[in-house]
Amino acid sequence: MKRILHLDDEADIREILGAYLQTLGYEVVSVATPTEALREVERTPPHLIICDLQLEESDGLEAIERLRATNPEVPVILLTGVLLAPHVAEEILQKRRIVYVEKTKPLNTIVDEVRRLTTD
């Protein structure tokens, strides 16, 4: 079973996305803060990280860098409500090997990326 770490400070988003991915057979650990996320990564490394860009305690990109410190190859989906210009998103995220998905996209779009990134 593929393990997904989902970091988002919005409880509703954590609940909806976590429940949906669990129905598809993924193990989902949803946390609200980068500190909780770091604890989870140290305990059991995930196969995928889904992280919000704007977090209450931290910037999502900073959190991702910290989470990847011990496992730099883990794929990441940056899930955010902040709309980035396509050329800006590509330039910033491509260097970090991060996939950008808008929160306003249908759940199927997110699931397609999850499947693509967790397929061996």
C-alpha atoms as a PDB file:
ATOM      1  CA  MET A   1       0.000   0.000   0.000  1.00  0.00           C
ATOM      2  CA  LYS A   2       1.391   3.403  -0.982  1.00  0.00           C
ATOM      3  CA  ARG A   3       1.722   5.897   1.858  1.00  0.00           C
ATOM      4  CA  ILE A   4       0.884   9.557   1.225  1.00  0.00           C
ATOM      5  CA  LEU A   5       1.755  12.391   3.577  1.00  0.00           C
ATOM      6  CA  HIS A   6      -0.713  15.258   3.157  1.00  0.00           C
ATOM      7  CA  LEU A   7       0.238  18.609   4.704  1.00  0.00           C
ATOM      8  CA  ASP A   8      -2.457  21.287   4.674  1.00  0.00           C
ATOM      9  CA  ASP A   9      -3.558  23.713   7.357  1.00  0.00           C
ATOM     10  CA  GLU A  10      -7.194  23.574   6.181  1.00  0.00           C
ATOM     11  CA  ALA A  11      -9.000  20.773   8.043  1.00  0.00           C
ATOM     12  CA  ASP A  12     -11.728  20.436   5.395  1.00  0.00           C
ATOM     13  CA  ILE A  13      -9.183  19.879   2.612  1.00  0.00           C
ATOM     14  CA  ARG A  14      -7.295  17.299   4.701  1.00  0.00           C
ATOM     15  CA  GLU A  15     -10.502  15.467   5.491  1.00  0.00           C
ATOM     16  CA  ILE A  16     -11.948  15.409   1.970  1.00  0.00           C
ATOM     17  CA  LEU A  17      -8.759  14.534   0.106  1.00  0.00           C
ATOM     18  CA  GLY A  18      -7.599  12.032   2.726  1.00  0.00           C
ATOM     19  CA  ALA A  19     -10.918  10.188   2.781  1.00  0.00           C
ATOM     20  CA  TYR A  20     -11.116  10.094  -1.012  1.00  0.00           C
ATOM     21  CA  LEU A  21      -7.577   8.762  -1.457  1.00  0.00           C
ATOM     22  CA  GLN A  22      -8.179   6.133   1.241  1.00  0.00           C
ATOM     23  CA  THR A  23     -11.200   4.828  -0.670  1.00  0.00           C
ATOM     24  CA  LEU A  24      -8.818   4.305  -3.595  1.00  0.00           C
ATOM     25  CA  GLY A  25      -6.503   2.153  -1.485  1.00  0.00           C
ATOM     26  CA  TYR A  26      -3.858   4.633  -0.362  1.00  0.00           C
ATOM     27  CA  GLU A  27      -2.673   4.998   3.216  1.00  0.00           C
ATOM     28  CA  VAL A  28      -3.009   8.720   3.948  1.00  0.00           C
ATOM     29  CA  VAL A  29      -1.499  10.550   6.883  1.00  0.00           C
ATOM     30  CA  SER A  30      -2.913  14.076   7.049  1.00  0.00           C
ATOM     31  CA  VAL A  31      -1.217  16.731   9.170  1.00  0.00           C
ATOM     32  CA  ALA A  32      -1.738  20.448   9.741  1.00  0.00           C
ATOM     33  CA  THR A  33       1.809  21.678  10.394  1.00  0.00           C
ATOM     34  CA  PRO A  34       5.326  21.190   9.021  1.00  0.00           C
ATOM     35  CA  THR A  35       6.429  20.047  12.496  1.00  0.00           C
ATOM     36  CA  GLU A  36       3.883  17.211  12.445  1.00  0.00           C
ATOM     37  CA  ALA A  37       4.894  16.381   8.876  1.00  0.00           C
ATOM     38  CA  LEU A  38       8.576  16.118   9.837  1.00  0.00           C
ATOM     39  CA  ARG A  39       7.699  13.719  12.646  1.00  0.00           C
ATOM     40  CA  GLU A  40       5.767  11.532  10.225  1.00  0.00           C
ATOM     41  CA  VAL A  41       8.543  11.534   7.604  1.00  0.00           C
ATOM     42  CA  GLU A  42      11.091  10.525  10.242  1.00  0.00           C
ATOM     43  CA  ARG A  43       8.829   7.761  11.538  1.00  0.00           C
ATOM     44  CA  THR A  44       7.837   6.275   8.182  1.00  0.00           C
ATOM     45  CA  PRO A  45       8.940   7.831   4.880  1.00  0.00           C
ATOM     46  CA  PRO A  46       6.045   8.380   2.466  1.00  0.00           C
ATOM     47  CA  HIS A  47       5.856   7.354  -1.177  1.00  0.00           C
ATOM     48  CA  LEU A  48       4.379  10.775  -2.007  1.00  0.00           C
ATOM     49  CA  ILE A  49       3.986  14.163  -0.331  1.00  0.00           C
ATOM     50  CA  ILE A  50       1.038  16.443  -1.040  1.00  0.00           C
ATOM     51  CA  CYS A  51       1.624  19.914   0.391  1.00  0.00           C
ATOM     52  CA  ASP A  52      -0.236  23.203   0.400  1.00  0.00           C
ATOM     53  CA  LEU A  53       1.726  26.279  -0.733  1.00  0.00           C
ATOM     54  CA  GLN A  54       0.419  28.692   1.889  1.00  0.00           C
ATOM     55  CA  LEU A  55       0.688  27.278   5.378  1.00  0.00           C
ATOM     56  CA  GLU A  56      -0.020  29.080   8.616  1.00  0.00           C
ATOM     57  CA  GLU A  57       3.373  28.257  10.144  1.00  0.00           C
ATOM     58  CA  SER A  58       5.529  28.149   7.030  1.00  0.00           C
ATOM     59  CA  ASP A  59       5.856  28.494   3.301  1.00  0.00           C
ATOM     60  CA  GLY A  60       4.993  25.240   1.529  1.00  0.00           C
ATOM     61  CA  LEU A  61       8.181  25.245  -0.547  1.00  0.00           C
ATOM     62  CA  GLU A  62      10.293  25.605   2.602  1.00  0.00           C
ATOM     63  CA  ALA A  63       8.360  22.781   4.244  1.00  0.00           C
ATOM     64  CA  ILE A  64       8.930  20.560   1.205  1.00  0.00           C
ATOM     65  CA  GLU A  65      12.683  21.180   1.322  1.00  0.00           C
ATOM     66  CA  ARG A  66      12.769  20.168   4.991  1.00  0.00           C
ATOM     67  CA  LEU A  67      10.620  17.087   4.362  1.00  0.00           C
ATOM     68  CA  ARG A  68      12.833  15.992   1.493  1.00  0.00           C
ATOM     69  CA  ALA A  69      16.075  16.408   3.450  1.00  0.00           C
ATOM     70  CA  THR A  70      16.234  12.714   4.292  1.00  0.00           C
ATOM     71  CA  ASN A  71      14.482  11.428   1.165  1.00  0.00           C
ATOM     72  CA  PRO A  72      15.196  13.845  -1.709  1.00  0.00           C
ATOM     73  CA  GLU A  73      13.655  11.624  -4.381  1.00  0.00           C
ATOM     74  CA  VAL A  74      10.149  11.467  -2.894  1.00  0.00           C
ATOM     75  CA  PRO A  75       7.694  12.964  -5.397  1.00  0.00           C
ATOM     76  CA  VAL A  76       5.708  16.019  -4.348  1.00  0.00           C
ATOM     77  CA  ILE A  77       2.414  17.534  -5.421  1.00  0.00           C
ATOM     78  CA  LEU A  78       2.067  21.191  -4.506  1.00  0.00           C
ATOM     79  CA  LEU A  79      -1.672  21.599  -4.053  1.00  0.00           C
ATOM     80  CA  THR A  80      -2.693  25.213  -3.733  1.00  0.00           C
ATOM     81  CA  GLY A  81      -5.483  27.706  -4.145  1.00  0.00           C
ATOM     82  CA  VAL A  82      -2.980  30.355  -5.203  1.00  0.00           C
ATOM     83  CA  LEU A  83      -2.940  30.641  -8.957  1.00  0.00           C
ATOM     84  CA  LEU A  84       0.551  30.836 -10.381  1.00  0.00           C
ATOM     85  CA  ALA A  85       1.313  31.971 -13.901  1.00  0.00           C
ATOM     86  CA  PRO A  86       2.201  28.832 -15.885  1.00  0.00           C
ATOM     87  CA  HIS A  87       5.701  30.052 -16.780  1.00  0.00           C
ATOM     88  CA  VAL A  88       6.408  31.000 -13.153  1.00  0.00           C
ATOM     89  CA  ALA A  89       5.154  27.664 -11.849  1.00  0.00           C
ATOM     90  CA  GLU A  90       7.199  25.744 -14.386  1.00  0.00           C
ATOM     91  CA  GLU A  91      10.386  27.685 -13.665  1.00  0.00           C
ATOM     92  CA  ILE A  92      10.144  27.473  -9.870  1.00  0.00           C
ATOM     93  CA  LEU A  93       8.818  23.961  -9.538  1.00  0.00           C
ATOM     94  CA  GLN A  94      10.667  22.167 -12.315  1.00  0.00           C
ATOM     95  CA  LYS A  95      13.994  22.809 -10.575  1.00  0.00           C
ATOM     96  CA  ARG A  96      12.607  21.185  -7.441  1.00  0.00           C
ATOM     97  CA  ARG A  97      10.830  18.318  -9.236  1.00  0.00           C
ATOM     98  CA  ILE A  98       7.455  19.342  -7.852  1.00  0.00           C
ATOM     99  CA  VAL A  99       4.102  18.917  -9.603  1.00  0.00           C
ATOM    100  CA  TYR A 100       1.718  21.869  -9.226  1.00  0.00           C
ATOM    101  CA  VAL A 101      -2.047  21.258  -9.052  1.00  0.00           C
ATOM    102  CA  GLU A 102      -4.642  23.910  -8.266  1.00  0.00           C
ATOM    103  CA  LYS A 103      -7.073  23.115  -5.445  1.00  0.00           C
ATOM    104  CA  THR A 104      -9.905  24.187  -7.717  1.00  0.00           C
ATOM    105  CA  LYS A 105      -9.213  21.292 -10.103  1.00  0.00           C
ATOM    106  CA  PRO A 106     -11.533  18.272  -9.922  1.00  0.00           C
ATOM    107  CA  LEU A 107     -10.459  15.498  -7.544  1.00  0.00           C
ATOM    108  CA  ASN A 108      -9.872  13.260 -10.568  1.00  0.00           C
ATOM    109  CA  THR A 109      -7.067  15.574 -11.727  1.00  0.00           C
ATOM    110  CA  ILE A 110      -5.361  15.243  -8.364  1.00  0.00           C
ATOM    111  CA  VAL A 111      -5.884  11.480  -8.332  1.00  0.00           C
ATOM    112  CA  ASP A 112      -4.403  11.178 -11.833  1.00  0.00           C
ATOM    113  CA  GLU A 113      -1.219  12.864 -10.582  1.00  0.00           C
ATOM    114  CA  VAL A 114      -1.162  10.727  -7.437  1.00  0.00           C
ATOM    115  CA  ARG A 115      -1.430   7.551  -9.541  1.00  0.00           C
ATOM    116  CA  ARG A 116       1.224   8.739 -11.986  1.00  0.00           C
ATOM    117  CA  LEU A 117       3.678   9.608  -9.209  1.00  0.00           C
ATOM    118  CA  THR A 118       3.111   6.455  -7.122  1.00  0.00           C
ATOM    119  CA  THR A 119       3.239   3.911  -9.919  1.00  0.00           C
ATOM    120  CA  ASP A 120       6.401   1.840  -9.765  1.00  0.00           C
END
